[in-house]
Protein backbone atom coordinates (compact mmCIF):
# COMPACT_ATOMS: atom_id res chain seq x y z
CA MET A 1 19.71 53.86 -14.56
CA ALA A 2 23.00 54.57 -12.90
CA ASP A 3 24.97 52.03 -10.83
CA PRO A 4 24.58 53.01 -7.21
CA THR A 5 28.25 52.32 -6.29
CA PRO A 6 31.05 53.30 -8.41
CA GLY A 7 33.38 50.47 -9.36
CA ALA A 8 30.85 47.74 -8.41
CA PRO A 9 30.36 44.80 -10.77
CA PRO A 10 27.30 45.01 -12.88
CA ALA A 11 23.90 43.51 -11.65
CA ASP A 12 24.07 40.50 -14.13
CA ALA A 13 27.68 39.66 -13.24
CA HIS A 14 26.66 36.33 -11.55
CA LEU A 15 25.10 35.15 -14.87
CA ALA A 16 28.47 35.26 -16.70
CA THR A 17 29.86 31.71 -16.53
CA ALA A 18 32.48 29.76 -18.51
CA SER A 19 31.33 28.78 -21.75
CA PRO A 20 30.85 24.98 -22.15
CA THR A 21 33.71 24.80 -24.61
CA ALA A 22 36.26 26.64 -22.54
CA PRO A 23 38.68 24.45 -20.83
CA ALA A 24 37.63 23.58 -17.25
CA SER A 25 39.81 24.36 -14.33
CA ALA A 26 40.72 21.89 -11.57
CA GLY A 27 38.00 23.15 -9.30
CA ASP A 28 35.32 22.79 -12.02
CA MET A 29 36.44 19.13 -12.61
CA ALA A 30 36.06 18.43 -9.06
CA THR A 31 32.62 19.92 -8.86
CA ASP A 32 31.68 18.10 -12.01
CA TRP A 33 32.92 14.87 -10.45
CA SER A 34 31.04 15.24 -7.24
CA VAL A 35 27.86 16.22 -9.11
CA GLN A 36 28.16 13.14 -11.17
CA ALA A 37 28.85 10.91 -8.15
CA ALA A 38 25.80 12.48 -6.44
CA ASP A 39 23.79 11.71 -9.55
CA VAL A 40 24.85 8.12 -9.75
CA VAL A 41 23.98 7.54 -5.98
CA ASP A 42 20.62 9.24 -6.47
CA ASP A 43 19.85 7.04 -9.49
CA LEU A 44 21.12 3.88 -7.60
CA VAL A 45 18.83 4.97 -4.56
CA ALA A 46 15.75 5.52 -7.06
CA ASN A 47 16.32 2.21 -8.65
CA VAL A 48 16.59 0.29 -5.46
CA HIS A 49 13.34 2.04 -4.22
CA ASP A 50 11.49 1.31 -7.42
CA ARG A 51 12.47 -2.38 -7.61
CA PHE A 52 12.57 -3.64 -4.10
CA ILE A 53 11.36 -1.05 -1.52
CA ARG A 54 8.19 -0.07 -3.22
CA PRO A 55 6.94 -3.67 -3.90
CA VAL A 56 7.44 -4.46 -0.18
CA VAL A 57 5.68 -1.35 0.91
CA LEU A 58 2.67 -2.16 -1.25
CA GLY A 59 2.59 -5.76 -0.16
CA ALA A 60 2.81 -4.75 3.42
CA ARG A 61 -0.02 -2.23 2.90
CA ALA A 62 -2.14 -5.02 1.37
CA VAL A 63 -1.52 -7.21 4.29
CA VAL A 64 -2.52 -4.60 6.84
CA PHE A 65 -5.55 -3.45 4.96
CA GLY A 66 -6.51 -7.06 4.35
CA LEU A 67 -6.21 -7.91 8.15
CA LEU A 68 -8.15 -4.75 9.01
CA ILE A 69 -11.02 -5.51 6.58
CA ALA A 70 -11.13 -9.13 7.99
CA ALA A 71 -11.23 -8.00 11.40
CA LEU A 72 -14.06 -5.43 10.67
CA ALA A 73 -15.91 -7.98 8.67
CA THR A 74 -15.78 -10.30 11.59
CA VAL A 75 -16.95 -7.70 14.03
CA VAL A 76 -19.93 -6.90 11.56
CA MET A 77 -20.82 -10.51 11.09
CA VAL A 78 -20.97 -11.24 14.89
CA LEU A 79 -23.00 -8.07 15.45
CA LEU A 80 -25.47 -9.02 12.78
CA SER A 81 -25.76 -12.49 14.08
CA VAL A 82 -26.48 -11.32 17.70
CA SER A 83 -28.97 -8.73 16.37
CA LEU A 84 -30.71 -11.41 14.37
CA VAL A 85 -30.89 -13.80 17.39
CA ARG A 86 -32.37 -10.94 19.46
CA LEU A 87 -34.83 -9.83 16.92
CA LEU A 88 -36.00 -13.43 16.35
CA THR A 89 -36.19 -14.23 20.12
CA VAL A 90 -38.34 -11.22 20.89
CA TYR A 91 -40.61 -10.94 17.79
CA ALA A 92 -40.76 -14.16 16.01
CA PHE A 93 -40.57 -16.78 18.78
CA GLY A 94 -41.97 -15.09 21.96
CA GLY A 95 -38.83 -15.38 24.23
CA ARG A 96 -37.77 -18.83 23.12
CA VAL A 97 -34.07 -18.42 22.41
CA TRP A 98 -33.71 -22.20 21.57
CA ALA A 99 -35.90 -21.64 18.54
CA SER A 100 -33.76 -18.71 17.28
CA TYR A 101 -30.59 -20.78 17.72
CA LEU A 102 -32.21 -23.70 15.89
CA LEU A 103 -33.44 -21.63 12.88
CA LEU A 104 -30.10 -19.65 12.56
CA GLY A 105 -28.08 -22.81 13.05
CA GLY A 106 -30.00 -24.44 10.32
CA LEU A 107 -29.57 -21.47 7.94
CA PHE A 108 -25.73 -21.22 8.54
CA THR A 109 -25.35 -25.13 8.32
CA VAL A 110 -27.28 -24.99 4.89
CA ALA A 111 -25.22 -21.99 3.61
CA GLY A 112 -21.97 -23.79 4.62
CA LEU A 113 -23.08 -27.12 2.72
CA VAL A 114 -23.93 -25.03 -0.30
CA LEU A 115 -20.42 -23.20 -0.16
CA TRP A 116 -18.75 -26.53 0.45
CA SER A 117 -20.40 -28.22 -2.48
CA ARG A 118 -19.29 -25.38 -4.69
CA ARG A 119 -15.65 -25.45 -3.91
CA SER A 120 -13.17 -26.10 -6.55
CA GLN A 121 -11.49 -29.30 -6.53
CA ALA A 122 -7.70 -29.63 -6.90
CA ASP A 123 -6.29 -31.14 -10.06
CA PRO A 124 -4.98 -34.62 -9.13
CA THR A 125 -2.06 -34.47 -11.43
CA THR A 126 -0.75 -31.22 -9.88
CA ALA A 127 -1.71 -31.90 -6.36
CA SER A 128 1.20 -32.94 -4.10
CA ALA A 129 1.10 -36.24 -2.17
CA ARG A 130 -0.36 -35.79 1.30
């Protein structure tokens, strides 16, 4: 295939570069230095991100998602308690709300006492003075 314009450089002229063993010109040295400096800065930023920023972001996500889960669990527990009181009042105790409150209060108290008795005791040798 003939070159469309006479005297034009070949199509692959941009691929011809200086060999790695050829002496570098001053412009090439400046370019190499700027590339090395950019690589050093990039590596430094990546290290700072991996060592400090990423753990902080993960910790913040854990706190946010933990608070969100705790808030939703609280809402669900309140709605279940209200629903249980309404169901017991209407279907079990014939409109006597005090009986529903008494039953659920007793159940929650017993559950709390069971959980309280199963808690782990602090080791007296490692516990700080209060």
